[in-house]
N, C-alpha and C. Protein backbone atom coordinates (compact mmCIF):
# COMPACT_ATOMS: atom_id res chain seq x y z
N UNK A 1 126.14 119.20 99.59
CA UNK A 1 125.23 118.43 99.51
C UNK A 1 124.84 117.98 97.92
N UNK A 2 124.87 117.09 97.22
CA UNK A 2 124.71 116.87 95.69
C UNK A 2 122.99 117.30 95.58
N UNK A 3 122.81 117.84 94.02
CA UNK A 3 121.77 118.20 93.79
C UNK A 3 120.43 117.13 94.14
N UNK A 4 120.69 115.72 93.55
CA UNK A 4 119.71 114.58 93.77
C UNK A 4 119.71 114.64 95.33
N UNK A 5 120.47 114.55 96.53
CA UNK A 5 120.30 114.38 97.55
C UNK A 5 119.19 115.61 97.77
N UNK A 6 119.49 116.34 97.59
CA UNK A 6 118.77 117.91 98.07
C UNK A 6 117.30 118.11 97.49
N UNK A 7 117.14 117.70 96.07
CA UNK A 7 115.82 117.39 96.07
C UNK A 7 114.86 116.16 96.38
N UNK A 8 116.07 114.85 96.74
CA UNK A 8 114.91 114.01 97.36
C UNK A 8 114.78 114.37 98.94
N UNK A 9 115.25 114.88 99.30
CA UNK A 9 115.10 115.72 100.64
C UNK A 9 114.01 116.88 100.97
N UNK A 10 113.96 117.41 99.93
CA UNK A 10 112.61 118.49 99.86
C UNK A 10 111.50 117.85 99.56
N UNK A 11 111.99 116.62 98.07
CA UNK A 11 110.65 115.84 97.80
C UNK A 11 109.99 115.13 99.08
N UNK A 12 110.52 114.70 100.16
CA UNK A 12 110.20 113.60 101.43
C UNK A 12 109.84 114.71 101.88
N UNK A 13 110.27 116.02 102.39
CA UNK A 13 109.77 116.75 103.11
C UNK A 13 108.64 117.46 103.02
N UNK A 14 108.37 117.70 101.68
CA UNK A 14 107.11 118.59 101.30
C UNK A 14 105.71 117.56 101.28
N UNK A 15 106.00 116.49 101.20
CA UNK A 15 105.05 115.32 100.77
C UNK A 15 105.08 114.73 102.29
N UNK A 16 105.62 114.99 102.84
CA UNK A 16 105.44 114.28 104.28
C UNK A 16 106.12 113.19 104.66
N UNK A 17 106.82 112.52 103.68
CA UNK A 17 106.59 111.18 103.92
C UNK A 17 108.65 111.05 104.48
N UNK A 18 108.54 109.86 105.21
CA UNK A 18 109.63 109.43 105.91
C UNK A 18 110.81 108.51 105.32
N UNK A 19 111.73 108.21 105.11
CA UNK A 19 112.50 107.39 104.75
C UNK A 19 113.14 106.52 105.93
N UNK A 20 113.41 104.75 105.92
CA UNK A 20 113.94 103.98 106.15
C UNK A 20 114.84 103.22 105.58
N UNK A 21 116.42 103.26 105.91
CA UNK A 21 117.12 102.26 105.31
C UNK A 21 118.24 102.24 105.96
N UNK A 22 118.03 101.20 107.12
CA UNK A 22 119.09 101.20 108.04
C UNK A 22 119.95 100.56 107.29
N UNK A 23 121.33 101.61 107.79
CA UNK A 23 122.99 100.65 107.69
C UNK A 23 123.28 99.52 107.44
N UNK A 24 122.78 98.63 108.03
CA UNK A 24 123.20 97.34 107.94
C UNK A 24 122.47 96.24 106.86
N UNK A 25 121.55 97.34 106.27
CA UNK A 25 120.62 96.73 105.17
C UNK A 25 121.74 97.17 103.83
N UNK A 26 122.17 98.30 103.75
CA UNK A 26 123.06 98.98 102.36
C UNK A 26 124.16 98.10 102.29
N UNK A 27 124.47 97.51 101.05
CA UNK A 27 124.91 96.79 100.32
C UNK A 27 125.52 96.99 99.13
N UNK A 28 126.68 97.04 98.58
CA UNK A 28 126.83 97.46 97.47
C UNK A 28 126.41 96.67 96.56
N UNK A 29 125.82 95.33 96.53
CA UNK A 29 124.97 94.71 95.43
C UNK A 29 123.98 94.16 96.15
N UNK A 30 122.70 94.23 95.23
CA UNK A 30 121.73 93.71 95.84
C UNK A 30 120.36 93.98 94.67
N UNK A 31 119.32 93.12 95.01
CA UNK A 31 118.22 93.12 94.12
C UNK A 31 117.04 93.60 95.10
N UNK A 32 116.80 94.64 94.40
CA UNK A 32 115.75 95.18 95.65
C UNK A 32 114.41 95.13 95.14
N UNK A 33 113.49 94.50 95.80
CA UNK A 33 112.27 94.86 95.15
C UNK A 33 111.44 96.00 95.52
N UNK A 34 110.53 96.23 94.63
CA UNK A 34 109.50 97.51 94.88
C UNK A 34 108.59 97.00 95.32
N UNK A 35 107.53 97.25 96.32
CA UNK A 35 106.23 96.65 96.60
C UNK A 35 106.02 97.64 97.43
N UNK A 36 104.44 98.03 97.66
CA UNK A 36 103.81 97.38 96.52
C UNK A 36 103.59 98.41 95.38
N UNK A 37 103.26 97.74 94.17
CA UNK A 37 103.35 99.28 93.11
C UNK A 37 101.71 99.21 92.49
N UNK A 38 101.17 100.27 92.67
CA UNK A 38 99.72 100.37 92.39
C UNK A 38 99.58 102.02 91.94
N UNK A 39 100.91 102.39 91.94
CA UNK A 39 100.92 103.73 91.60
C UNK A 39 102.09 104.69 90.60
N UNK A 40 101.89 105.63 89.68
CA UNK A 40 102.88 105.97 89.38
C UNK A 40 103.91 106.79 90.16
N UNK A 41 103.24 107.13 91.42
CA UNK A 41 103.73 108.06 92.36
C UNK A 41 104.87 107.10 92.79
N UNK A 42 104.43 105.65 93.11
CA UNK A 42 105.76 104.75 93.94
C UNK A 42 106.79 105.29 93.18
N UNK A 43 107.42 105.35 91.88
CA UNK A 43 108.88 105.65 91.55
C UNK A 43 109.20 106.84 91.88
N UNK A 44 108.21 108.12 92.24
CA UNK A 44 108.87 109.19 92.59
C UNK A 44 109.15 109.16 94.30
N UNK A 45 108.39 108.81 95.07
CA UNK A 45 109.02 108.18 96.58
C UNK A 45 110.13 107.36 96.71
N UNK A 46 109.88 106.44 95.71
CA UNK A 46 111.25 105.63 96.19
C UNK A 46 112.61 106.33 95.57
N UNK A 47 112.39 107.21 94.34
CA UNK A 47 114.03 107.46 94.13
C UNK A 47 114.09 108.90 94.91
N UNK A 48 113.18 109.72 95.58
CA UNK A 48 113.21 110.47 96.62
C UNK A 48 114.29 110.04 97.42
N UNK A 49 113.64 108.98 98.17
CA UNK A 49 114.69 108.29 99.27
C UNK A 49 116.00 107.63 98.98
N UNK A 50 116.05 107.40 97.83
CA UNK A 50 117.52 106.67 97.08
C UNK A 50 118.11 107.93 97.27
N UNK A 51 117.62 109.02 96.58
CA UNK A 51 118.47 110.36 96.28
C UNK A 51 118.89 110.78 97.69
N UNK A 52 118.01 111.09 98.26
CA UNK A 52 118.46 111.56 99.93
C UNK A 52 119.53 110.76 100.35
N UNK A 53 119.40 109.16 100.16
CA UNK A 53 120.93 108.79 100.91
C UNK A 53 121.88 108.57 100.07
N UNK A 54 121.70 108.95 98.76
CA UNK A 54 122.99 109.23 97.98
C UNK A 54 123.22 107.47 97.40
N UNK A 55 121.96 106.91 97.22
CA UNK A 55 122.43 105.57 96.66
C UNK A 55 121.68 105.25 95.40
N UNK A 56 122.71 104.73 94.44
CA UNK A 56 122.35 104.77 92.89
C UNK A 56 121.75 103.49 92.39
N UNK A 57 120.45 103.22 92.18
CA UNK A 57 119.69 102.49 91.84
C UNK A 57 119.02 102.53 90.11
N UNK A 58 119.16 101.22 89.66
CA UNK A 58 118.67 100.70 88.27
C UNK A 58 117.61 100.13 88.50
N UNK A 59 116.99 100.38 87.53
CA UNK A 59 115.35 99.77 87.47
C UNK A 59 114.97 99.43 86.33
N UNK A 60 113.92 98.60 86.08
CA UNK A 60 113.73 97.80 84.91
C UNK A 60 112.33 98.68 84.72
N UNK A 61 112.11 99.07 83.39
CA UNK A 61 111.02 100.00 83.11
C UNK A 61 110.41 99.48 81.28
N UNK A 62 109.51 99.75 80.85
CA UNK A 62 109.08 99.34 79.55
C UNK A 62 109.95 100.29 78.97
N UNK A 63 110.27 99.59 77.36
CA UNK A 63 111.55 100.21 77.13
C UNK A 63 110.86 101.72 76.11
N UNK A 64 109.60 101.80 76.31
CA UNK A 64 109.01 102.86 75.65
C UNK A 64 109.51 104.14 76.29
N UNK A 65 109.34 104.23 77.75
CA UNK A 65 110.05 105.24 78.56
C UNK A 65 111.42 105.54 78.44
N UNK A 66 112.06 104.50 78.02
CA UNK A 66 113.41 105.11 77.82
C UNK A 66 113.87 105.62 76.38
N UNK A 67 113.07 105.79 75.62
CA UNK A 67 113.05 106.20 74.43
C UNK A 67 112.74 107.90 73.73
N UNK A 68 113.02 108.64 72.87
CA UNK A 68 112.85 109.91 72.97
C UNK A 68 113.09 110.91 74.02
N UNK A 69 112.35 112.07 73.99
CA UNK A 69 113.14 113.19 75.00
C UNK A 69 112.91 112.54 76.68
N UNK A 70 111.93 112.38 76.71
CA UNK A 70 111.69 111.53 78.14
C UNK A 70 112.53 110.91 78.54
N UNK A 71 113.24 109.70 77.47
CA UNK A 71 114.08 108.51 77.64
C UNK A 71 115.37 109.22 78.81
N UNK A 72 115.75 110.48 78.24
CA UNK A 72 116.77 110.83 78.79
C UNK A 72 116.63 111.05 80.22
N UNK A 73 115.29 111.42 80.27
CA UNK A 73 114.93 111.78 82.20
C UNK A 73 115.08 110.43 82.86
N UNK A 74 114.35 109.40 82.71
CA UNK A 74 114.11 108.16 83.03
C UNK A 74 115.90 107.52 82.90
N UNK A 75 116.52 107.59 82.20
CA UNK A 75 117.54 106.90 82.09
C UNK A 75 118.51 107.82 82.96
N UNK A 76 118.33 108.77 83.02
CA UNK A 76 119.39 109.43 83.84
C UNK A 76 119.05 109.18 85.58
N UNK A 77 117.89 108.61 85.72
CA UNK A 77 117.69 108.18 87.25
C UNK A 77 117.58 107.26 87.35
N UNK A 78 118.27 105.72 86.08
CA UNK A 78 118.84 104.21 86.73
C UNK A 78 117.79 103.55 85.63
N UNK A 79 116.91 104.17 84.50
CA UNK A 79 116.09 103.27 84.11
C UNK A 79 116.56 102.07 83.00
N UNK A 80 116.58 100.95 83.00
CA UNK A 80 116.86 100.13 82.04
C UNK A 80 115.53 99.56 81.37
N UNK A 81 115.53 100.07 80.40
CA UNK A 81 114.58 99.73 79.35
C UNK A 81 114.43 98.44 78.87
N UNK A 82 113.04 97.16 79.01
CA UNK A 82 112.89 96.54 78.60
C UNK A 82 112.04 96.14 77.68
N UNK A 83 112.39 95.56 76.29
CA UNK A 83 111.54 95.17 75.41
C UNK A 83 110.58 93.90 75.73
N UNK A 84 109.10 93.98 76.19
CA UNK A 84 108.54 92.93 76.14
C UNK A 84 108.25 91.90 75.08
N UNK A 85 108.25 92.23 74.27
CA UNK A 85 108.05 91.65 73.16
C UNK A 85 109.18 90.56 72.73
N UNK A 86 110.22 91.01 72.81
CA UNK A 86 111.62 90.69 72.96
C UNK A 86 111.76 89.15 73.86
N UNK A 87 112.20 88.24 73.15
CA UNK A 87 112.19 86.54 74.17
C UNK A 87 113.56 86.86 74.31
N UNK A 88 113.76 87.67 75.11
CA UNK A 88 115.79 87.56 75.79
C UNK A 88 115.65 86.93 77.18
N UNK A 89 116.60 86.74 77.98
CA UNK A 89 116.39 86.07 79.07
C UNK A 89 116.72 87.19 80.07
N UNK A 90 116.04 88.04 80.96
CA UNK A 90 116.39 89.04 81.52
C UNK A 90 116.78 88.56 83.04
N UNK A 91 116.76 87.77 83.77
CA UNK A 91 116.87 87.33 84.40
C UNK A 91 118.86 87.03 84.46
N UNK A 92 119.25 86.21 83.17
CA UNK A 92 120.24 86.18 82.73
C UNK A 92 121.15 87.43 82.64
N UNK A 93 120.66 88.40 82.03
CA UNK A 93 121.05 89.82 81.77
C UNK A 93 120.97 90.88 83.02
N UNK A 94 120.53 90.77 84.03
CA UNK A 94 120.39 91.20 85.40
C UNK A 94 121.25 90.74 86.12
N UNK A 95 121.53 89.44 86.06
CA UNK A 95 122.43 88.71 86.69
C UNK A 95 123.97 88.94 86.53
N UNK A 96 124.22 89.13 85.12
CA UNK A 96 125.41 89.30 84.46
C UNK A 96 125.46 91.37 84.58
N UNK A 97 124.82 91.50 85.05
CA UNK A 97 124.88 93.01 85.51
C UNK A 97 125.57 93.37 86.75
N UNK A 98 124.74 92.55 87.56
CA UNK A 98 125.35 92.47 89.01
C UNK A 98 126.38 92.06 89.01
N UNK A 99 127.05 90.68 88.52
CA UNK A 99 128.67 90.08 88.41
C UNK A 99 129.51 91.17 87.80
N UNK A 100 129.26 91.79 86.89
CA UNK A 100 130.09 92.71 85.83
C UNK A 100 130.30 93.80 86.77
N UNK A 101 129.13 94.85 87.40
CA UNK A 101 129.70 96.00 88.34
C UNK A 101 130.13 95.40 89.83
N UNK A 102 131.16 96.42 90.40
CA UNK A 102 131.04 96.62 91.69
C UNK A 102 130.46 96.68 92.35
N UNK A 103 129.49 97.94 92.07
CA UNK A 103 128.44 98.36 93.18
C UNK A 103 127.11 98.61 92.20
N UNK A 104 126.05 97.49 92.45
CA UNK A 104 125.09 97.97 91.86
C UNK A 104 123.53 97.28 92.93
N UNK A 105 122.70 98.18 92.61
CA UNK A 105 121.26 97.53 93.32
C UNK A 105 120.28 98.01 92.17
N UNK A 106 119.44 96.68 91.84
CA UNK A 106 118.46 96.86 90.93
C UNK A 106 117.29 96.39 91.20
N UNK A 107 116.47 97.65 91.48
CA UNK A 107 115.05 97.52 91.27
C UNK A 107 114.29 96.70 90.89
N UNK A 108 113.33 96.05 91.32
CA UNK A 108 112.64 95.25 90.33
C UNK A 108 110.45 95.32 90.79
N UNK A 109 110.16 96.15 90.22
CA UNK A 109 108.88 95.78 90.53
C UNK A 109 107.89 94.61 90.55
N UNK A 110 108.00 93.71 91.64
CA UNK A 110 108.00 92.13 91.59
C UNK A 110 106.68 91.81 91.26
N UNK A 111 105.51 92.80 91.08
CA UNK A 111 104.20 92.69 91.00
C UNK A 111 103.89 92.72 89.17
N UNK A 112 105.17 93.49 88.81
CA UNK A 112 105.18 93.57 87.13
C UNK A 112 104.37 94.55 86.39
N UNK A 113 103.11 95.06 87.03
CA UNK A 113 102.21 95.79 87.03
C UNK A 113 101.56 96.66 87.89
N UNK A 114 100.52 97.87 87.94
CA UNK A 114 100.41 98.57 88.61
C UNK A 114 98.60 97.82 89.10
N UNK A 115 98.52 96.80 88.47
CA UNK A 115 96.85 96.67 88.45
C UNK A 115 97.30 95.31 89.40
N UNK A 116 96.04 94.99 90.20
CA UNK A 116 96.23 93.40 90.94
C UNK A 116 96.84 92.54 90.30
N UNK A 117 97.62 91.63 90.61
CA UNK A 117 97.87 90.42 90.15
C UNK A 117 97.61 89.47 91.10
N UNK A 118 97.55 87.84 90.68
CA UNK A 118 97.04 87.03 91.72
C UNK A 118 98.39 86.14 92.24
N UNK A 119 99.62 86.72 91.55
CA UNK A 119 101.07 86.50 92.47
C UNK A 119 101.70 87.33 91.74
N UNK A 120 102.78 87.35 92.23
CA UNK A 120 103.88 88.14 91.72
C UNK A 120 104.94 87.70 91.05
N UNK A 121 105.83 88.09 90.43
CA UNK A 121 106.72 87.60 89.14
C UNK A 121 107.87 87.04 89.94
N UNK A 122 108.82 86.39 89.51
CA UNK A 122 109.42 85.47 90.59
C UNK A 122 110.98 85.83 90.04
N UNK A 123 110.95 86.83 89.03
CA UNK A 123 112.19 87.07 88.71
C UNK A 123 113.22 87.88 89.10
N UNK A 124 113.03 88.59 90.46
CA UNK A 124 113.65 89.12 91.66
C UNK A 124 114.73 87.88 92.11
N UNK A 125 113.77 86.77 92.34
CA UNK A 125 114.42 85.69 93.50
C UNK A 125 115.14 85.08 92.54
N UNK A 126 115.35 84.72 91.12
CA UNK A 126 115.94 83.96 90.18
C UNK A 126 117.25 84.78 90.03
N UNK A 127 117.30 86.23 89.78
CA UNK A 127 118.22 87.16 89.55
C UNK A 127 118.98 86.90 90.93
N UNK A 128 118.62 87.39 92.00
CA UNK A 128 119.09 87.10 93.37
C UNK A 128 119.89 85.85 93.64
N UNK A 129 119.24 84.65 93.07
CA UNK A 129 119.91 83.61 93.16
C UNK A 129 121.12 83.39 92.55
N UNK A 130 121.12 83.51 91.20
CA UNK A 130 121.66 83.34 90.24
C UNK A 130 123.25 84.24 90.43
N UNK A 131 122.89 85.63 90.40
CA UNK A 131 123.85 86.61 90.77
C UNK A 131 124.98 86.36 92.63
N UNK A 132 123.92 85.73 93.06
CA UNK A 132 124.20 85.16 94.88
C UNK A 132 124.52 86.94 95.48
N UNK A 133 123.25 87.31 95.70
CA UNK A 133 123.16 88.33 96.25
C UNK A 133 121.78 88.32 96.67
N UNK A 134 121.69 89.15 98.04
CA UNK A 134 121.02 89.39 98.92
C UNK A 134 119.71 90.31 98.28
N UNK A 135 118.24 89.80 98.77
CA UNK A 135 117.25 90.66 98.31
C UNK A 135 116.81 91.56 99.34
N UNK A 136 116.82 92.59 99.03
CA UNK A 136 116.39 94.01 99.60
C UNK A 136 114.94 93.96 99.67
N UNK A 137 113.86 94.04 100.78
CA UNK A 137 112.59 93.89 101.00
C UNK A 137 112.11 95.81 100.59
N UNK A 138 112.51 96.54 99.69
CA UNK A 138 111.94 97.66 99.46
C UNK A 138 110.24 97.82 99.58
N UNK A 139 109.77 99.03 100.30
CA UNK A 139 108.44 98.83 100.39
C UNK A 139 108.15 100.53 100.15
N UNK A 140 106.71 100.86 99.67
CA UNK A 140 106.28 102.08 99.92
C UNK A 140 105.18 101.64 101.20
N UNK A 141 104.90 102.54 102.21
CA UNK A 141 103.84 102.29 103.12
C UNK A 141 102.85 103.56 103.22
N UNK A 142 102.02 103.85 102.39
CA UNK A 142 101.37 105.39 102.35
C UNK A 142 100.62 105.15 103.30
N UNK A 143 99.91 103.79 103.84
CA UNK A 143 99.48 104.47 105.34
C UNK A 143 100.42 105.16 106.37
N UNK A 144 101.79 104.62 106.71
CA UNK A 144 102.77 105.66 107.09
C UNK A 144 103.56 106.34 106.75
N UNK A 145 103.20 106.68 105.48
CA UNK A 145 103.90 107.94 104.44
C UNK A 145 105.51 107.73 104.72
N UNK A 146 105.85 106.16 104.69
CA UNK A 146 107.17 105.77 105.06
C UNK A 146 107.84 104.93 103.80
N UNK A 147 108.60 105.09 103.33
CA UNK A 147 109.29 104.10 102.01
C UNK A 147 110.65 103.95 102.52
N UNK A 148 111.51 102.53 102.06
CA UNK A 148 112.48 102.49 102.16
C UNK A 148 113.03 101.03 101.97
N UNK A 149 113.77 100.25 103.06
CA UNK A 149 113.91 98.87 103.20
C UNK A 149 114.30 98.18 104.19
N UNK A 150 113.25 97.63 104.32
CA UNK A 150 112.49 96.91 105.64
C UNK A 150 113.00 96.15 106.34
N UNK A 151 114.39 95.18 105.27
CA UNK A 151 114.87 94.02 105.68
C UNK A 151 115.67 93.40 104.73
N UNK A 152 116.71 92.55 104.71
CA UNK A 152 117.36 91.90 103.67
C UNK A 152 117.14 90.32 103.77
N UNK A 153 117.17 89.69 102.77
CA UNK A 153 116.67 88.34 102.67
C UNK A 153 117.91 87.56 101.75
N UNK A 154 118.67 86.95 102.91
CA UNK A 154 119.48 86.17 102.05
C UNK A 154 119.18 84.34 101.85
N UNK A 155 119.07 84.46 100.36
CA UNK A 155 118.17 83.27 99.93
C UNK A 155 118.92 81.94 99.88
N UNK A 156 118.13 81.20 100.64
CA UNK A 156 118.53 79.59 100.71
C UNK A 156 118.56 78.63 99.50
N UNK A 157 117.86 79.11 98.86
CA UNK A 157 117.34 78.52 97.35
C UNK A 157 116.31 77.03 97.72
N UNK A 158 115.73 77.27 99.03
CA UNK A 158 114.65 76.66 99.08
C UNK A 158 113.20 78.17 98.73
N UNK A 159 112.75 77.88 97.63
CA UNK A 159 111.86 78.66 97.21
C UNK A 159 110.92 78.53 98.18
N UNK A 160 109.81 77.94 98.47
CA UNK A 160 108.69 78.40 99.34
C UNK A 160 109.47 79.02 100.64
N UNK A 161 109.98 78.40 101.30
CA UNK A 161 110.66 79.02 102.09
C UNK A 161 111.20 80.61 102.24
N UNK A 162 112.09 80.47 101.40
CA UNK A 162 112.33 82.23 101.32
C UNK A 162 111.12 83.07 100.69
N UNK A 163 110.40 82.65 99.94
CA UNK A 163 109.09 83.23 99.62
C UNK A 163 107.95 83.44 100.92
N UNK A 164 107.83 82.71 101.70
CA UNK A 164 107.17 82.21 102.77
C UNK A 164 107.74 83.79 103.52
N UNK A 165 108.92 83.93 103.96
CA UNK A 165 109.57 84.92 104.52
C UNK A 165 109.51 86.57 104.04
N UNK A 166 109.81 86.55 102.58
CA UNK A 166 109.06 87.77 102.04
C UNK A 166 107.97 88.18 101.76
N UNK A 167 107.06 87.14 101.63
CA UNK A 167 105.46 87.01 102.22
C UNK A 167 104.98 87.92 103.27
N UNK A 168 105.67 87.42 104.30
CA UNK A 168 105.21 87.39 105.57
C UNK A 168 105.67 89.22 105.44
N UNK A 169 106.66 89.85 105.21
CA UNK A 169 107.16 91.00 105.42
C UNK A 169 106.30 92.35 104.86
N UNK A 170 105.63 91.83 103.61
CA UNK A 170 104.72 92.41 102.81
C UNK A 170 103.33 92.55 103.19
N UNK A 171 102.79 91.70 103.87
CA UNK A 171 101.64 91.37 104.59
C UNK A 171 100.73 92.42 104.86
N UNK A 172 101.30 93.47 105.67
CA UNK A 172 101.29 94.73 106.70
C UNK A 172 101.24 96.03 105.82
N UNK A 173 102.13 95.91 104.56
CA UNK A 173 102.25 97.03 104.08
C UNK A 173 100.84 97.70 103.20
N UNK A 174 100.77 98.99 103.62
CA UNK A 174 99.64 99.61 102.96
C UNK A 174 99.47 100.36 101.10
N UNK A 175 98.94 99.92 100.27
CA UNK A 175 99.52 100.36 98.81
C UNK A 175 98.61 101.58 98.80
N UNK A 176 98.92 102.46 97.94
CA UNK A 176 98.47 103.68 97.54
C UNK A 176 96.92 103.39 96.95
N UNK A 177 96.84 102.61 96.23
CA UNK A 177 95.59 101.96 95.90
C UNK A 177 95.30 100.18 96.37
N UNK A 178 95.01 100.34 97.62
CA UNK A 178 95.12 98.62 98.53
C UNK A 178 94.25 97.73 97.29
N UNK A 179 93.28 98.37 97.24
CA UNK A 179 92.37 96.98 96.21
C UNK A 179 93.31 96.63 94.80
N UNK A 180 94.23 97.22 94.64
CA UNK A 180 95.20 96.72 93.41
C UNK A 180 96.38 96.03 93.99
N UNK A 181 96.42 95.83 95.15
CA UNK A 181 97.41 95.10 96.00
C UNK A 181 97.41 93.73 96.13
N UNK A 182 98.25 93.02 95.88
CA UNK A 182 97.83 91.43 96.57
C UNK A 182 99.22 90.95 97.52
N UNK A 183 99.08 91.01 98.96
CA UNK A 183 100.54 90.65 99.19
C UNK A 183 100.95 89.22 99.64
N UNK A 184 99.60 88.50 98.73
CA UNK A 184 99.78 86.84 98.53
C UNK A 184 101.06 86.90 97.09
N UNK A 185 102.26 86.29 97.31
CA UNK A 185 102.93 86.62 96.41
C UNK A 185 103.53 85.31 95.92
N UNK A 186 102.75 84.08 96.09
CA UNK A 186 103.07 83.01 95.73
C UNK A 186 102.41 82.05 95.87
């Protein structure tokens, strides 16, 4: 058993969490929503599930986390640093990464922050649409102590219809800090 799989198994076992990622949802390429995102622990549990299952995930994070000594740790866990001050097009960059790589799962925290937001950022939607890949509905349910992927959505291009389907899935997921989570996504 690879070291990451061993560590993921141990982390989930010690913390009492379960993983849920049915085989039919595993694709070589996808954009994976990471929600709810209200705690720094969210990354820990998400990565434990992916390591346990042997799934390599890339994710966007403030570029400050990918610099210095601690930057090595985050990069080794799949972090892609994003300079929020720079006005680049992250959607085009992410779609190009998906198109260029034979296998790639990009995890996107759709809320964009751990604080409560009025609506989610829609970059995940536009990345998946541009790259022609499905959207995996990744979740962390603190009420059930379960993390994984609960559904795949193949986007139709009808923004409201697609977002309504995604929103319906997240309606009953319990965040670590429920007061900071808004499942009303658009």
